[in-house]
C-alpha atoms as a PDB file:
ATOM      1  CA  UNK A   1      -0.045   0.003   0.084  1.00  0.00           C
ATOM      2  CA  UNK A   2       1.389   3.436  -1.176  1.00  0.00           C
ATOM      3  CA  UNK A   3       0.889   6.207   1.624  1.00  0.00           C
ATOM      4  CA  UNK A   4       0.121   9.404  -0.180  1.00  0.00           C
ATOM      5  CA  UNK A   5      -1.685  11.756   2.012  1.00  0.00           C
ATOM      6  CA  UNK A   6      -2.225  12.905   5.607  1.00  0.00           C
ATOM      7  CA  UNK A   7      -5.518  13.544   7.459  1.00  0.00           C
ATOM      8  CA  UNK A   8      -5.160  15.918  10.336  1.00  0.00           C
ATOM      9  CA  UNK A   9      -8.953  15.628  11.182  1.00  0.00           C
ATOM     10  CA  UNK A  10      -8.825  11.797  11.052  1.00  0.00           C
ATOM     11  CA  UNK A  11      -5.450  11.598  12.637  1.00  0.00           C
ATOM     12  CA  UNK A  12      -3.438   9.634  10.260  1.00  0.00           C
ATOM     13  CA  UNK A  13      -1.734   8.509   6.899  1.00  0.00           C
ATOM     14  CA  UNK A  14      -3.885   7.791   3.835  1.00  0.00           C
ATOM     15  CA  UNK A  15      -3.142   5.157   1.282  1.00  0.00           C
ATOM     16  CA  UNK A  16      -3.518   5.965  -2.524  1.00  0.00           C
ATOM     17  CA  UNK A  17      -6.681   3.849  -2.972  1.00  0.00           C
ATOM     18  CA  UNK A  18      -8.470   5.427   0.043  1.00  0.00           C
ATOM     19  CA  UNK A  19      -7.588   9.142  -0.513  1.00  0.00           C
ATOM     20  CA  UNK A  20     -10.529  10.757  -2.217  1.00  0.00           C
ATOM     21  CA  UNK A  21      -9.243  14.419  -2.301  1.00  0.00           C
ATOM     22  CA  UNK A  22     -11.804  15.723   0.174  1.00  0.00           C
ATOM     23  CA  UNK A  23     -10.122  14.479   3.523  1.00  0.00           C
ATOM     24  CA  UNK A  24      -6.731  14.894   3.742  1.00  0.00           C
ATOM     25  CA  UNK A  25      -3.803  16.518   1.929  1.00  0.00           C
ATOM     26  CA  UNK A  26      -1.280  14.918  -0.559  1.00  0.00           C
ATOM     27  CA  UNK A  27       2.366  15.212   0.386  1.00  0.00           C
ATOM     28  CA  UNK A  28       5.536  14.239  -1.373  1.00  0.00           C
ATOM     29  CA  UNK A  29       7.535  11.136  -0.100  1.00  0.00           C
ATOM     30  CA  UNK A  30      10.139  13.139   1.729  1.00  0.00           C
ATOM     31  CA  UNK A  31       7.491  15.213   3.421  1.00  0.00           C
ATOM     32  CA  UNK A  32       5.623  12.096   4.427  1.00  0.00           C
ATOM     33  CA  UNK A  33       8.793  10.736   5.818  1.00  0.00           C
ATOM     34  CA  UNK A  34       9.238  14.001   7.620  1.00  0.00           C
ATOM     35  CA  UNK A  35       5.859  13.836   9.221  1.00  0.00           C
ATOM     36  CA  UNK A  36       6.537  10.365  10.337  1.00  0.00           C
ATOM     37  CA  UNK A  37      10.084  11.047  11.773  1.00  0.00           C
ATOM     38  CA  UNK A  38       8.548  14.027  13.579  1.00  0.00           C
ATOM     39  CA  UNK A  39       5.744  12.178  15.289  1.00  0.00           C
ATOM     40  CA  UNK A  40       7.865   9.282  16.228  1.00  0.00           C
ATOM     41  CA  UNK A  41      10.740  10.941  17.653  1.00  0.00           C
ATOM     42  CA  UNK A  42      11.313  11.605  21.185  1.00  0.00           C
ATOM     43  CA  UNK A  43      12.596  14.836  22.430  1.00  0.00           C
ATOM     44  CA  UNK A  44      16.312  13.616  22.611  1.00  0.00           C
ATOM     45  CA  UNK A  45      16.468  12.018  19.089  1.00  0.00           C
ATOM     46  CA  UNK A  46      14.325  14.739  17.532  1.00  0.00           C
ATOM     47  CA  UNK A  47      17.196  17.248  18.031  1.00  0.00           C
ATOM     48  CA  UNK A  48      19.502  14.872  16.196  1.00  0.00           C
ATOM     49  CA  UNK A  49      17.443  15.018  12.830  1.00  0.00           C
ATOM     50  CA  UNK A  50      18.267  17.642  10.247  1.00  0.00           C
ATOM     51  CA  UNK A  51      14.778  18.525   8.758  1.00  0.00           C
ATOM     52  CA  UNK A  52      14.587  20.558   5.646  1.00  0.00           C
ATOM     53  CA  UNK A  53      13.448  24.195   6.612  1.00  0.00           C
ATOM     54  CA  UNK A  54      11.122  24.540   3.758  1.00  0.00           C
ATOM     55  CA  UNK A  55       9.248  21.152   4.195  1.00  0.00           C
ATOM     56  CA  UNK A  56       9.031  22.171   8.056  1.00  0.00           C
ATOM     57  CA  UNK A  57       7.657  25.470   7.429  1.00  0.00           C
ATOM     58  CA  UNK A  58       5.015  23.926   5.105  1.00  0.00           C
ATOM     59  CA  UNK A  59       4.099  21.475   7.627  1.00  0.00           C
ATOM     60  CA  UNK A  60       3.845  23.962  10.355  1.00  0.00           C
ATOM     61  CA  UNK A  61       1.552  26.196   7.934  1.00  0.00           C
ATOM     62  CA  UNK A  62      -0.565  23.185   7.269  1.00  0.00           C
ATOM     63  CA  UNK A  63      -0.960  22.233  11.064  1.00  0.00           C
ATOM     64  CA  UNK A  64      -1.663  25.710  12.064  1.00  0.00           C
ATOM     65  CA  UNK A  65      -4.518  25.860   9.448  1.00  0.00           C
ATOM     66  CA  UNK A  66      -5.844  22.657  11.200  1.00  0.00           C
ATOM     67  CA  UNK A  67      -5.458  24.219  14.764  1.00  0.00           C
ATOM     68  CA  UNK A  68      -7.442  27.326  13.335  1.00  0.00           C
ATOM     69  CA  UNK A  69     -10.291  25.775  11.327  1.00  0.00           C
ATOM     70  CA  UNK A  70     -10.869  22.762  13.781  1.00  0.00           C
ATOM     71  CA  UNK A  71      -9.965  23.947  17.262  1.00  0.00           C
ATOM     72  CA  UNK A  72     -10.243  27.937  16.662  1.00  0.00           C
ATOM     73  CA  UNK A  73      -6.706  28.254  17.745  1.00  0.00           C
ATOM     74  CA  UNK A  74      -4.573  30.958  15.963  1.00  0.00           C
ATOM     75  CA  UNK A  75      -0.857  30.975  16.283  1.00  0.00           C
ATOM     76  CA  UNK A  76       0.635  34.457  16.289  1.00  0.00           C
ATOM     77  CA  UNK A  77       3.998  33.235  15.394  1.00  0.00           C
ATOM     78  CA  UNK A  78       2.884  31.877  11.896  1.00  0.00           C
ATOM     79  CA  UNK A  79       3.173  35.482  10.507  1.00  0.00           C
ATOM     80  CA  UNK A  80       6.711  35.956  11.785  1.00  0.00           C
ATOM     81  CA  UNK A  81       7.653  32.341  10.655  1.00  0.00           C
ATOM     82  CA  UNK A  82       6.431  32.838   7.136  1.00  0.00           C
ATOM     83  CA  UNK A  83       8.339  36.176   6.988  1.00  0.00           C
ATOM     84  CA  UNK A  84      11.731  34.391   7.574  1.00  0.00           C
END
């Protein structure tokens, strides 16, 4: 099964045959691997990884959209992060 997307609402990865375009967002394989590493790493090993800045900014933006639309939480630091 090929994983091609992530659903923040449903809380997980989505395979190609289950992805309907409505629930979840497609990501590249390197973005999916980054998401997996972020959520699997403990605090000690997390700092040892060298994550790509552009991918991280994209994922943080996507997660902030989820937080704002689903939980009504707005991160003030997103504007600053995008200005970097």
